[in-house]
Structure formats: C-alpha cells, structure tokens
Protein backbone atom coordinates (compact mmCIF):
# COMPACT_ATOMS: atom_id res chain seq x y z
CA UNK A 1 11.07 16.90 -102.13
CA UNK A 2 13.85 14.42 -102.97
CA UNK A 3 12.98 12.42 -99.84
CA UNK A 4 9.32 12.24 -100.93
CA UNK A 5 10.37 10.89 -104.33
CA UNK A 6 12.55 8.22 -102.69
CA UNK A 7 9.74 7.25 -100.30
CA UNK A 8 7.23 6.97 -103.17
CA UNK A 9 9.55 4.83 -105.32
CA UNK A 10 10.45 2.62 -102.36
CA UNK A 11 6.76 2.18 -101.51
CA UNK A 12 5.96 1.11 -105.07
CA UNK A 13 8.97 -1.22 -105.10
CA UNK A 14 7.80 -2.79 -101.83
CA UNK A 15 4.22 -3.08 -103.08
CA UNK A 16 5.28 -4.98 -106.21
CA UNK A 17 7.80 -7.14 -104.31
CA UNK A 18 5.01 -8.15 -101.94
CA UNK A 19 3.14 -9.54 -104.94
CA UNK A 20 6.02 -11.22 -106.79
CA UNK A 21 8.74 -13.55 -105.53
CA UNK A 22 12.08 -11.70 -105.30
CA UNK A 23 13.95 -14.92 -106.12
CA UNK A 24 12.48 -14.80 -109.63
CA UNK A 25 11.65 -11.19 -110.43
CA UNK A 26 13.52 -7.89 -110.29
CA UNK A 27 11.61 -4.62 -109.99
CA UNK A 28 12.99 -1.30 -111.21
CA UNK A 29 11.20 1.83 -110.02
CA UNK A 30 11.91 5.48 -110.71
CA UNK A 31 10.25 8.81 -110.11
CA UNK A 32 8.76 10.43 -113.22
CA UNK A 33 6.52 13.52 -113.06
CA UNK A 34 4.87 12.60 -116.36
CA UNK A 35 3.57 9.19 -115.15
CA UNK A 36 0.34 8.41 -113.34
CA UNK A 37 1.20 8.47 -109.65
CA UNK A 38 4.63 9.85 -110.60
CA UNK A 39 6.19 6.37 -110.38
CA UNK A 40 7.49 4.41 -113.33
CA UNK A 41 8.16 0.69 -112.90
CA UNK A 42 9.44 -2.27 -114.88
CA UNK A 43 9.53 -5.95 -113.95
CA UNK A 44 12.26 -8.27 -115.23
CA UNK A 45 12.61 -11.99 -114.84
CA UNK A 46 15.84 -12.43 -112.86
CA UNK A 47 16.31 -16.19 -112.42
CA UNK A 48 18.66 -16.42 -115.38
CA UNK A 49 22.36 -17.00 -115.88
CA UNK A 50 24.14 -13.65 -115.47
CA UNK A 51 25.05 -13.28 -119.14
CA UNK A 52 21.39 -13.73 -120.16
CA UNK A 53 20.00 -11.52 -117.41
CA UNK A 54 22.15 -8.57 -118.49
CA UNK A 55 21.72 -9.18 -122.23
CA UNK A 56 19.62 -6.98 -124.51
CA UNK A 57 17.34 -9.96 -125.13
CA UNK A 58 16.04 -9.87 -121.56
CA UNK A 59 13.29 -7.30 -122.00
CA UNK A 60 10.92 -6.30 -119.20
CA UNK A 61 7.92 -8.55 -118.71
CA UNK A 62 5.69 -5.76 -117.44
CA UNK A 63 6.00 -2.01 -117.41
CA UNK A 64 3.94 0.87 -116.04
CA UNK A 65 3.90 2.26 -119.59
CA UNK A 66 1.76 -0.62 -120.85
CA UNK A 67 0.49 -2.48 -117.77
CA UNK A 68 -1.48 -1.97 -114.58
CA UNK A 69 -1.17 -3.53 -111.12
CA UNK A 70 -3.72 -6.26 -111.92
CA UNK A 71 -1.30 -7.46 -114.63
CA UNK A 72 1.27 -8.09 -111.89
CA UNK A 73 -1.22 -10.36 -110.11
CA UNK A 74 -1.91 -12.14 -113.41
CA UNK A 75 1.86 -12.64 -113.87
CA UNK A 76 2.11 -14.08 -110.37
CA UNK A 77 -0.76 -16.53 -111.00
CA UNK A 78 0.67 -17.61 -114.36
CA UNK A 79 4.12 -18.07 -112.87
CA UNK A 80 2.80 -20.20 -109.98
CA UNK A 81 1.04 -22.44 -112.53
CA UNK A 82 4.30 -22.76 -114.48
CA UNK A 83 6.13 -23.81 -111.32
CA UNK A 84 3.60 -26.57 -110.69
CA UNK A 85 3.90 -27.72 -114.31
CA UNK A 86 7.67 -28.01 -113.85
CA UNK A 87 7.20 -30.23 -110.79
CA UNK A 88 4.65 -32.39 -112.66
CA UNK A 89 6.91 -32.71 -115.71
CA UNK A 90 9.85 -33.81 -113.55
CA UNK A 91 7.94 -35.64 -110.83
CA UNK A 92 10.12 -38.77 -110.72
CA UNK A 93 13.36 -36.85 -110.35
CA UNK A 94 11.81 -34.43 -107.85
CA UNK A 95 10.37 -37.24 -105.68
CA UNK A 96 13.75 -38.99 -105.61
CA UNK A 97 15.62 -35.83 -104.53
CA UNK A 98 12.92 -34.87 -102.06
CA UNK A 99 12.75 -38.36 -100.54
CA UNK A 100 16.52 -38.62 -100.12
CA UNK A 101 16.72 -35.27 -98.35
CA UNK A 102 13.69 -35.98 -96.17
CA UNK A 103 15.12 -39.36 -95.27
CA UNK A 104 18.44 -37.82 -94.23
CA UNK A 105 16.72 -35.17 -92.13
CA UNK A 106 14.53 -37.82 -90.50
CA UNK A 107 17.64 -39.82 -89.58
CA UNK A 108 19.05 -36.77 -87.80
CA UNK A 109 15.77 -36.33 -85.92
CA UNK A 110 15.75 -40.03 -85.05
CA UNK A 111 19.31 -39.79 -83.71
CA UNK A 112 18.30 -36.84 -81.52
CA UNK A 113 15.25 -38.73 -80.21
CA UNK A 114 17.32 -41.83 -79.45
CA UNK A 115 19.82 -39.72 -77.52
CA UNK A 116 17.03 -38.18 -75.41
CA UNK A 117 15.53 -41.63 -74.75
CA UNK A 118 18.97 -42.87 -73.63
CA UNK A 119 19.29 -39.92 -71.23
CA UNK A 120 15.80 -40.61 -69.84
CA UNK A 121 16.65 -44.32 -69.40
CA UNK A 122 19.80 -43.39 -67.48
CA UNK A 123 17.64 -41.15 -65.30
CA UNK A 124 15.19 -44.00 -64.65
CA UNK A 125 18.12 -46.27 -63.78
CA UNK A 126 19.37 -43.65 -61.30
CA UNK A 127 15.91 -43.49 -59.69
CA UNK A 128 15.87 -47.28 -59.18
CA UNK A 129 19.46 -47.21 -57.95
CA UNK A 130 18.46 -44.56 -55.42
CA UNK A 131 15.40 -46.55 -54.31
CA UNK A 132 17.46 -49.72 -53.81
CA UNK A 133 20.55 -48.26 -52.12
CA UNK A 134 20.13 -44.71 -50.85
CA UNK A 135 16.38 -44.41 -50.35
CA UNK A 136 16.66 -40.63 -50.54
CA UNK A 137 13.41 -38.77 -51.20
CA UNK A 138 15.32 -35.63 -52.19
CA UNK A 139 17.29 -37.45 -54.88
CA UNK A 140 14.09 -39.06 -56.21
CA UNK A 141 12.37 -35.68 -56.40
CA UNK A 142 15.38 -34.12 -58.17
CA UNK A 143 15.48 -37.01 -60.65
CA UNK A 144 11.75 -36.67 -61.28
CA UNK A 145 12.09 -32.92 -61.92
CA UNK A 146 15.11 -33.56 -64.14
CA UNK A 147 13.19 -36.21 -66.13
CA UNK A 148 10.22 -33.87 -66.63
CA UNK A 149 12.50 -31.02 -67.77
CA UNK A 150 14.34 -33.27 -70.22
CA UNK A 151 11.02 -34.56 -71.61
CA UNK A 152 9.68 -31.00 -72.08
CA UNK A 153 12.93 -29.94 -73.74
CA UNK A 154 12.81 -32.98 -76.04
CA UNK A 155 9.22 -32.24 -77.08
CA UNK A 156 10.04 -28.58 -77.82
CA UNK A 157 13.18 -29.50 -79.76
CA UNK A 158 11.25 -32.12 -81.78
CA UNK A 159 8.67 -29.50 -82.75
CA UNK A 160 11.49 -27.16 -83.86
CA UNK A 161 13.17 -29.97 -85.80
CA UNK A 162 9.86 -30.76 -87.58
CA UNK A 163 9.48 -27.10 -88.56
CA UNK A 164 13.06 -27.01 -89.85
CA UNK A 165 12.52 -30.23 -91.83
CA UNK A 166 9.38 -28.74 -93.43
CA UNK A 167 11.21 -25.49 -94.23
CA UNK A 168 14.11 -27.48 -95.64
CA UNK A 169 11.70 -29.47 -97.85
CA UNK A 170 10.11 -26.25 -99.11
CA UNK A 171 13.57 -24.82 -99.84
CA UNK A 172 14.51 -27.96 -101.75
CA UNK A 173 11.37 -27.68 -103.89
CA UNK A 174 11.99 -23.99 -104.57
CA UNK A 175 15.68 -24.58 -105.42
CA UNK A 176 14.72 -27.46 -107.70
CA UNK A 177 12.18 -25.30 -109.55
CA UNK A 178 14.63 -22.39 -109.77
CA UNK A 179 17.29 -24.58 -111.33
CA UNK A 180 14.90 -26.17 -113.84
CA UNK A 181 13.66 -22.74 -114.92
CA UNK A 182 17.20 -21.31 -115.07
CA UNK A 183 18.15 -24.11 -117.45
CA UNK A 184 15.40 -22.95 -119.84
CA UNK A 185 16.94 -19.48 -120.02
CA UNK A 186 15.20 -16.85 -122.13
CA UNK A 187 12.90 -19.51 -123.61
CA UNK A 188 11.05 -19.55 -120.30
CA UNK A 189 10.84 -15.74 -120.21
CA UNK A 190 9.36 -15.65 -123.72
CA UNK A 191 6.90 -18.40 -122.84
CA UNK A 192 5.83 -16.45 -119.75
CA UNK A 193 5.54 -13.21 -121.75
CA UNK A 194 3.27 -14.87 -124.36
CA UNK A 195 1.00 -16.22 -121.62
CA UNK A 196 0.60 -12.82 -119.99
CA UNK A 197 -0.52 -11.00 -123.15
C-alpha cells in the first residue's frame, strides 16, 4: 500500500513537472485519502534568492485545494509570455550579451575549420609530392582515402559544433531571463499570481 502511494505521488509530480519548467517551479505532492485522486499538490515559484524562497511570504501559486490541472497549463502560458516580455524590455542588453557569446563561439568554430583546411592542404601537398617524386599509386590512394575521412569527420564535427552553439545560445537566453526574474524577487511572484486569478 505504501508503495502504491509513493508511485501515485511520483506520477503526479512527474505529470506536473512535464508541464512546468523545473528551473522556475517547485512541485510538492503528498498522498491524502480525503483528496480527489488521493493526491494533494502545491506549486511554488522557485527562481528566487534562498532567503525569499524559504520565507513565509512565498506562498504557493497553485494548489489542488483550489485549482485544477488546466490552471497549471494557464500558469505555464502566462509565464512564457512573461519571459518574452522580459526579453523585449531588455532587448538591447540581451542582444549585446547574446552577440558577444555567439561571436566567441563562432571564432572557436572558425579556428576548428581553419585547422581542418590546413590538414587537408597538407594532404593535397603530399599527393602532389608523391606524384612528382615517388609516383606511387598506393600512396595516392591512401592519401585520397585519408582526405575523404578527414572531410567527413570535419563535416560531422561542424554539425555537432552548430548544435552546441545553438544549445549554448538557448542556455544564455534562459540564464538571462532567470537572472532578470530573480532580481524582481517576490514582486514577480505576486504579479504572476494576479495574472493567474
């Protein structure tokens, strides 16, 4: 019976966490025989300085006692709109930070690409050197295979680098938003609460 209670509370916790972003919201679930579905839940805004998060002023945003699951989706939608408003309100600062980071990442990618091009040029030089002095078909074939393998590797690595750059840019945006919201403290939580109800 205890295992069933744990499974039910964990399932509800997972369900809510699949709706809301864990970086911003904390979900508390508990088993209660007197509740609908036997699960009681509360959602707190967690992206706050520690002293504010644990203070009595940080009340739950939503609770199974007064809300339903559709309210969680409404909270998510409202919160996503707030995040976009933060970017719009700080667009100049955000663009500057984003551009600087993207530029630095692009320089790293460019350095990698230049290194691969240098290796391929050395390979081409070796092919010509072989043609002029050794005239070995085997060496030419090995160099050709080597060149193809290096080119394939370079293409695959460039694709991975592009994905990492995009992920890094998304992380920068999320960290920027998190910090701007954290600076607002409980004011942001109250603003969010008023927009939900």
